[in-house]
Amino acid sequence: GLLAGAGFVVLNNSAPSQTEGMDRAVYFICQNDACNNRFEMTMRDYARERVDGSPPCPQCDQRRVKQASVCEACNGYVELVLHASLPPECPHCGHAFVENAQGVRETQAEHELLHNVEGG
């Protein structure tokens, strides 16, 4: 019984909390040609601001934005493709992206967390 209780305490203290997940940054690129703004918001703000799947651009207020990631090599915003995946390489600097299983699991967990917050 003590071992099970200790395992429970370790798992609960080492896993990120729902609050920490909601404070993570989400990146966007505005698709309005006259704007083309790059911006970020927290998952919490994204859950509050999104309507019909997209939050408004803070610069032009249009909801024509696409989710992005930030290249670790050049800090450029990279538009996500298909099922929220990175392209094979950064269009700005050519840095090769390697998506690992942990990153995919974290992205899926954030997606589920967002939908749980919206629903309840």
N, C-alpha and C. Protein backbone atom coordinates (compact mmCIF):
# COMPACT_ATOMS: atom_id res chain seq x y z
N GLY A 1 0.80 -1.19 0.00
CA GLY A 1 0.00 0.00 0.00
C GLY A 1 0.85 1.26 0.00
N LEU A 2 1.94 1.22 0.79
CA LEU A 2 2.81 2.40 0.85
C LEU A 2 3.47 2.68 -0.49
N LEU A 3 3.89 1.63 -1.19
CA LEU A 3 4.53 1.83 -2.49
C LEU A 3 3.55 2.44 -3.50
N ALA A 4 2.34 1.98 -3.50
CA ALA A 4 1.34 2.53 -4.42
C ALA A 4 1.09 4.00 -4.10
N GLY A 5 0.97 4.33 -2.82
CA GLY A 5 0.76 5.72 -2.42
C GLY A 5 1.93 6.60 -2.80
N ALA A 6 3.16 6.08 -2.64
CA ALA A 6 4.35 6.85 -2.99
C ALA A 6 4.39 7.08 -4.50
N GLY A 7 4.05 6.05 -5.27
CA GLY A 7 4.02 6.20 -6.73
C GLY A 7 3.01 7.24 -7.16
N PHE A 8 1.85 7.26 -6.53
CA PHE A 8 0.83 8.24 -6.84
C PHE A 8 1.33 9.66 -6.57
N VAL A 9 1.98 9.87 -5.44
CA VAL A 9 2.50 11.19 -5.08
C VAL A 9 3.56 11.63 -6.08
N VAL A 10 4.49 10.73 -6.47
CA VAL A 10 5.55 11.08 -7.41
C VAL A 10 4.96 11.45 -8.76
N LEU A 11 4.02 10.65 -9.26
CA LEU A 11 3.40 10.94 -10.56
C LEU A 11 2.66 12.25 -10.54
N ASN A 12 1.91 12.52 -9.50
CA ASN A 12 1.14 13.76 -9.44
C ASN A 12 2.02 14.99 -9.29
N ASN A 13 3.17 14.84 -8.65
CA ASN A 13 4.06 15.99 -8.46
C ASN A 13 4.99 16.20 -9.64
N SER A 14 5.20 15.19 -10.50
CA SER A 14 6.11 15.35 -11.62
C SER A 14 5.41 15.71 -12.92
N ALA A 15 4.14 15.38 -13.04
CA ALA A 15 3.40 15.69 -14.27
C ALA A 15 2.99 17.15 -14.27
N PRO A 16 3.02 17.82 -15.44
CA PRO A 16 2.56 19.21 -15.50
C PRO A 16 1.08 19.29 -15.16
N SER A 17 0.72 20.32 -14.43
CA SER A 17 -0.68 20.48 -14.05
C SER A 17 -1.48 21.03 -15.22
N GLN A 18 -2.79 20.96 -15.10
CA GLN A 18 -3.67 21.50 -16.14
C GLN A 18 -3.42 23.00 -16.28
N THR A 19 -3.16 23.68 -15.17
CA THR A 19 -2.91 25.12 -15.21
C THR A 19 -1.64 25.42 -16.00
N GLU A 20 -0.56 24.65 -15.76
CA GLU A 20 0.69 24.89 -16.49
C GLU A 20 0.49 24.67 -17.98
N GLY A 21 -0.27 23.65 -18.36
CA GLY A 21 -0.54 23.39 -19.77
C GLY A 21 -1.29 24.54 -20.41
N MET A 22 -2.20 25.15 -19.69
CA MET A 22 -2.99 26.25 -20.23
C MET A 22 -2.18 27.55 -20.33
N ASP A 23 -1.03 27.61 -19.68
CA ASP A 23 -0.17 28.80 -19.76
C ASP A 23 0.88 28.69 -20.87
N ARG A 24 0.91 27.56 -21.57
CA ARG A 24 1.86 27.38 -22.67
C ARG A 24 1.46 28.26 -23.86
N ALA A 25 2.47 28.68 -24.62
CA ALA A 25 2.24 29.56 -25.77
C ALA A 25 1.73 28.78 -26.98
N VAL A 26 0.82 29.41 -27.72
CA VAL A 26 0.34 28.93 -29.00
C VAL A 26 0.65 30.04 -30.00
N TYR A 27 1.20 29.69 -31.15
CA TYR A 27 1.66 30.68 -32.12
C TYR A 27 0.76 30.69 -33.35
N PHE A 28 0.61 31.88 -33.96
CA PHE A 28 -0.27 32.04 -35.12
C PHE A 28 0.35 32.97 -36.15
N ILE A 29 -0.07 32.77 -37.41
CA ILE A 29 0.28 33.67 -38.52
C ILE A 29 -1.04 34.11 -39.14
N CYS A 30 -1.24 35.43 -39.24
CA CYS A 30 -2.44 35.96 -39.87
C CYS A 30 -2.35 35.73 -41.37
N GLN A 31 -3.44 35.24 -41.97
CA GLN A 31 -3.49 34.94 -43.39
C GLN A 31 -3.99 36.11 -44.23
N ASN A 32 -4.36 37.22 -43.59
CA ASN A 32 -4.78 38.43 -44.29
C ASN A 32 -3.54 39.05 -44.93
N ASP A 33 -3.49 39.10 -46.27
CA ASP A 33 -2.30 39.60 -46.97
C ASP A 33 -1.91 41.02 -46.56
N ALA A 34 -2.88 41.83 -46.21
CA ALA A 34 -2.58 43.21 -45.81
C ALA A 34 -2.00 43.28 -44.40
N CYS A 35 -2.10 42.21 -43.65
CA CYS A 35 -1.65 42.19 -42.25
C CYS A 35 -0.42 41.31 -42.08
N ASN A 36 -0.58 40.00 -42.30
CA ASN A 36 0.51 39.01 -42.18
C ASN A 36 1.19 39.04 -40.81
N ASN A 37 0.45 39.39 -39.78
CA ASN A 37 0.96 39.49 -38.42
C ASN A 37 1.32 38.12 -37.86
N ARG A 38 2.36 38.06 -37.05
CA ARG A 38 2.72 36.87 -36.29
C ARG A 38 2.49 37.20 -34.83
N PHE A 39 1.80 36.30 -34.12
CA PHE A 39 1.52 36.57 -32.72
C PHE A 39 1.40 35.28 -31.94
N GLU A 40 1.42 35.42 -30.63
CA GLU A 40 1.25 34.27 -29.75
C GLU A 40 0.24 34.61 -28.67
N MET A 41 -0.33 33.56 -28.11
CA MET A 41 -1.24 33.70 -26.96
C MET A 41 -1.13 32.43 -26.14
N THR A 42 -1.59 32.46 -24.93
CA THR A 42 -1.57 31.26 -24.11
C THR A 42 -2.71 30.34 -24.53
N MET A 43 -2.60 29.08 -24.18
CA MET A 43 -3.68 28.13 -24.45
C MET A 43 -4.97 28.63 -23.79
N ARG A 44 -4.85 29.21 -22.62
CA ARG A 44 -6.02 29.74 -21.90
C ARG A 44 -6.71 30.83 -22.71
N ASP A 45 -5.93 31.78 -23.25
CA ASP A 45 -6.50 32.85 -24.06
C ASP A 45 -7.07 32.31 -25.37
N TYR A 46 -6.38 31.32 -25.94
CA TYR A 46 -6.86 30.69 -27.16
C TYR A 46 -8.22 30.06 -26.94
N ALA A 47 -8.39 29.38 -25.81
CA ALA A 47 -9.68 28.75 -25.49
C ALA A 47 -10.78 29.79 -25.35
N ARG A 48 -10.44 30.96 -24.81
CA ARG A 48 -11.42 32.03 -24.62
C ARG A 48 -11.74 32.78 -25.90
N GLU A 49 -10.74 33.00 -26.72
CA GLU A 49 -10.87 33.89 -27.88
C GLU A 49 -11.32 33.21 -29.16
N ARG A 50 -11.15 31.92 -29.26
CA ARG A 50 -11.44 31.27 -30.53
C ARG A 50 -12.94 31.13 -30.76
N VAL A 51 -13.34 31.39 -31.97
CA VAL A 51 -14.72 31.22 -32.41
C VAL A 51 -14.63 30.51 -33.76
N ASP A 52 -15.37 29.45 -33.92
CA ASP A 52 -15.31 28.66 -35.15
C ASP A 52 -13.88 28.22 -35.47
N GLY A 53 -13.11 27.90 -34.45
CA GLY A 53 -11.78 27.33 -34.63
C GLY A 53 -10.64 28.31 -34.71
N SER A 54 -10.88 29.60 -34.85
CA SER A 54 -9.78 30.55 -34.99
C SER A 54 -9.95 31.75 -34.07
N PRO A 55 -8.86 32.16 -33.41
CA PRO A 55 -8.92 33.40 -32.63
C PRO A 55 -8.75 34.59 -33.57
N PRO A 56 -9.11 35.78 -33.14
CA PRO A 56 -8.90 36.96 -34.00
C PRO A 56 -7.44 37.41 -33.96
N CYS A 57 -6.97 37.94 -35.07
CA CYS A 57 -5.64 38.54 -35.12
C CYS A 57 -5.69 39.83 -34.28
N PRO A 58 -4.76 40.04 -33.36
CA PRO A 58 -4.79 41.26 -32.54
C PRO A 58 -4.50 42.54 -33.34
N GLN A 59 -3.96 42.40 -34.54
CA GLN A 59 -3.63 43.58 -35.35
C GLN A 59 -4.78 43.99 -36.26
N CYS A 60 -5.40 43.03 -36.97
CA CYS A 60 -6.45 43.39 -37.93
C CYS A 60 -7.84 42.89 -37.51
N ASP A 61 -7.90 42.10 -36.47
CA ASP A 61 -9.14 41.57 -35.88
C ASP A 61 -9.86 40.57 -36.77
N GLN A 62 -9.25 40.12 -37.85
CA GLN A 62 -9.86 39.08 -38.68
C GLN A 62 -9.52 37.72 -38.10
N ARG A 63 -10.37 36.76 -38.35
CA ARG A 63 -10.17 35.40 -37.84
C ARG A 63 -9.58 34.49 -38.91
N ARG A 64 -8.73 35.05 -39.74
CA ARG A 64 -8.07 34.29 -40.80
C ARG A 64 -6.63 34.00 -40.36
N VAL A 65 -6.48 33.18 -39.34
CA VAL A 65 -5.15 32.85 -38.82
C VAL A 65 -4.92 31.35 -38.90
N LYS A 66 -3.65 30.99 -39.01
CA LYS A 66 -3.26 29.58 -39.00
C LYS A 66 -2.27 29.37 -37.87
N GLN A 67 -2.36 28.20 -37.25
CA GLN A 67 -1.45 27.89 -36.16
C GLN A 67 -0.05 27.68 -36.69
N ALA A 68 0.93 28.06 -35.90
CA ALA A 68 2.33 27.98 -36.30
C ALA A 68 3.17 27.42 -35.16
N SER A 69 4.43 27.23 -35.45
CA SER A 69 5.43 26.86 -34.46
C SER A 69 6.58 27.83 -34.67
N VAL A 70 7.51 27.86 -33.74
CA VAL A 70 8.67 28.73 -33.87
C VAL A 70 9.90 27.86 -34.10
N CYS A 71 10.64 28.15 -35.16
CA CYS A 71 11.86 27.41 -35.47
C CYS A 71 12.90 27.65 -34.38
N GLU A 72 13.43 26.57 -33.84
CA GLU A 72 14.43 26.70 -32.78
C GLU A 72 15.76 27.23 -33.30
N ALA A 73 16.00 27.15 -34.61
CA ALA A 73 17.26 27.61 -35.18
C ALA A 73 17.25 29.10 -35.49
N CYS A 74 16.12 29.62 -36.04
CA CYS A 74 16.12 31.03 -36.47
C CYS A 74 15.02 31.86 -35.80
N ASN A 75 14.17 31.23 -35.00
CA ASN A 75 13.03 31.89 -34.32
C ASN A 75 11.96 32.39 -35.28
N GLY A 76 11.99 31.94 -36.54
CA GLY A 76 10.96 32.31 -37.49
C GLY A 76 9.68 31.51 -37.25
N TYR A 77 8.54 32.12 -37.54
CA TYR A 77 7.26 31.43 -37.42
C TYR A 77 7.07 30.51 -38.62
N VAL A 78 6.72 29.26 -38.34
CA VAL A 78 6.54 28.25 -39.38
C VAL A 78 5.11 27.74 -39.31
N GLU A 79 4.36 27.94 -40.39
CA GLU A 79 2.97 27.50 -40.45
C GLU A 79 2.89 25.98 -40.37
N LEU A 80 2.00 25.47 -39.52
CA LEU A 80 1.81 24.03 -39.40
C LEU A 80 1.02 23.53 -40.60
N VAL A 81 1.26 22.31 -41.00
CA VAL A 81 0.61 21.71 -42.16
C VAL A 81 -0.17 20.48 -41.74
N LEU A 82 -1.06 20.04 -42.60
CA LEU A 82 -1.87 18.84 -42.39
C LEU A 82 -2.45 18.78 -40.99
N HIS A 83 -2.12 17.76 -40.23
CA HIS A 83 -2.69 17.56 -38.89
C HIS A 83 -1.80 18.20 -37.84
N ALA A 84 -1.62 19.50 -37.92
CA ALA A 84 -0.81 20.27 -36.98
C ALA A 84 0.62 19.74 -36.90
N SER A 85 1.20 19.42 -38.07
CA SER A 85 2.57 18.93 -38.14
C SER A 85 3.48 20.00 -38.72
N LEU A 86 4.74 19.90 -38.39
CA LEU A 86 5.73 20.78 -38.99
C LEU A 86 6.08 20.29 -40.38
N PRO A 87 6.43 21.20 -41.29
CA PRO A 87 6.93 20.75 -42.59
C PRO A 87 8.30 20.09 -42.36
N PRO A 88 8.88 19.44 -43.38
CA PRO A 88 10.17 18.78 -43.19
C PRO A 88 11.29 19.72 -42.76
N GLU A 89 11.23 20.98 -43.23
CA GLU A 89 12.29 21.92 -42.86
C GLU A 89 11.73 23.34 -42.76
N CYS A 90 12.47 24.20 -42.07
CA CYS A 90 12.06 25.60 -41.90
C CYS A 90 12.15 26.32 -43.24
N PRO A 91 11.09 27.02 -43.65
CA PRO A 91 11.14 27.75 -44.92
C PRO A 91 12.04 28.98 -44.86
N HIS A 92 12.44 29.40 -43.66
CA HIS A 92 13.28 30.59 -43.51
C HIS A 92 14.77 30.26 -43.54
N CYS A 93 15.16 29.18 -42.82
CA CYS A 93 16.59 28.90 -42.69
C CYS A 93 16.99 27.50 -43.15
N GLY A 94 16.00 26.64 -43.48
CA GLY A 94 16.31 25.29 -43.94
C GLY A 94 16.57 24.27 -42.84
N HIS A 95 16.45 24.69 -41.58
CA HIS A 95 16.65 23.76 -40.45
C HIS A 95 15.69 22.58 -40.58
N ALA A 96 16.22 21.35 -40.48
CA ALA A 96 15.38 20.14 -40.59
C ALA A 96 14.64 19.92 -39.29
N PHE A 97 13.33 19.70 -39.39
CA PHE A 97 12.51 19.42 -38.21
C PHE A 97 12.39 17.92 -38.04
N VAL A 98 12.56 17.47 -36.83
CA VAL A 98 12.37 16.07 -36.49
C VAL A 98 11.33 16.03 -35.39
N GLU A 99 10.15 15.53 -35.72
CA GLU A 99 9.09 15.42 -34.72
C GLU A 99 9.25 14.10 -34.00
N ASN A 100 9.33 14.17 -32.69
CA ASN A 100 9.46 12.94 -31.92
C ASN A 100 8.11 12.53 -31.34
N ALA A 101 8.03 11.31 -30.89
CA ALA A 101 6.78 10.79 -30.34
C ALA A 101 6.33 11.58 -29.13
N GLN A 102 7.26 12.04 -28.29
CA GLN A 102 6.89 12.81 -27.10
C GLN A 102 6.22 14.13 -27.52
N GLY A 103 6.76 14.80 -28.53
CA GLY A 103 6.17 16.04 -28.99
C GLY A 103 4.77 15.83 -29.53
N VAL A 104 4.55 14.74 -30.24
CA VAL A 104 3.22 14.43 -30.76
C VAL A 104 2.26 14.18 -29.60
N ARG A 105 2.70 13.43 -28.59
CA ARG A 105 1.85 13.15 -27.43
C ARG A 105 1.52 14.45 -26.69
N GLU A 106 2.50 15.35 -26.54
CA GLU A 106 2.26 16.61 -25.85
C GLU A 106 1.26 17.47 -26.63
N THR A 107 1.38 17.51 -27.95
CA THR A 107 0.46 18.27 -28.76
C THR A 107 -0.95 17.71 -28.64
N GLN A 108 -1.09 16.39 -28.67
CA GLN A 108 -2.40 15.76 -28.53
C GLN A 108 -2.97 16.04 -27.14
N ALA A 109 -2.14 15.98 -26.10
CA ALA A 109 -2.60 16.25 -24.74
C ALA A 109 -3.10 17.68 -24.62
N GLU A 110 -2.39 18.65 -25.24
CA GLU A 110 -2.83 20.04 -25.21
C GLU A 110 -4.16 20.20 -25.94
N HIS A 111 -4.32 19.52 -27.06
CA HIS A 111 -5.56 19.58 -27.83
C HIS A 111 -6.73 19.05 -26.98
N GLU A 112 -6.51 17.92 -26.31
CA GLU A 112 -7.56 17.35 -25.46
C GLU A 112 -7.86 18.25 -24.28
N LEU A 113 -6.81 18.84 -23.68
CA LEU A 113 -7.00 19.76 -22.56
C LEU A 113 -7.83 20.96 -22.99
N LEU A 114 -7.52 21.52 -24.14
CA LEU A 114 -8.26 22.67 -24.64
C LEU A 114 -9.74 22.34 -24.81
N HIS A 115 -10.05 21.19 -25.40
CA HIS A 115 -11.43 20.82 -25.62
C HIS A 115 -12.15 20.49 -24.32
N ASN A 116 -11.43 19.96 -23.33
CA ASN A 116 -12.04 19.70 -22.03
C ASN A 116 -12.38 21.01 -21.32
N VAL A 117 -11.51 22.00 -21.46
CA VAL A 117 -11.77 23.31 -20.84
C VAL A 117 -12.95 23.98 -21.51
N GLU A 118 -13.01 23.90 -22.83
CA GLU A 118 -14.11 24.54 -23.55
C GLU A 118 -15.44 23.89 -23.20
N GLY A 119 -15.44 22.57 -23.06
CA GLY A 119 -16.68 21.83 -22.80
C GLY A 119 -17.16 21.95 -21.37
N GLY A 120 -16.27 22.27 -20.43
CA GLY A 120 -16.71 22.26 -19.04
C GLY A 120 -16.23 23.34 -18.27
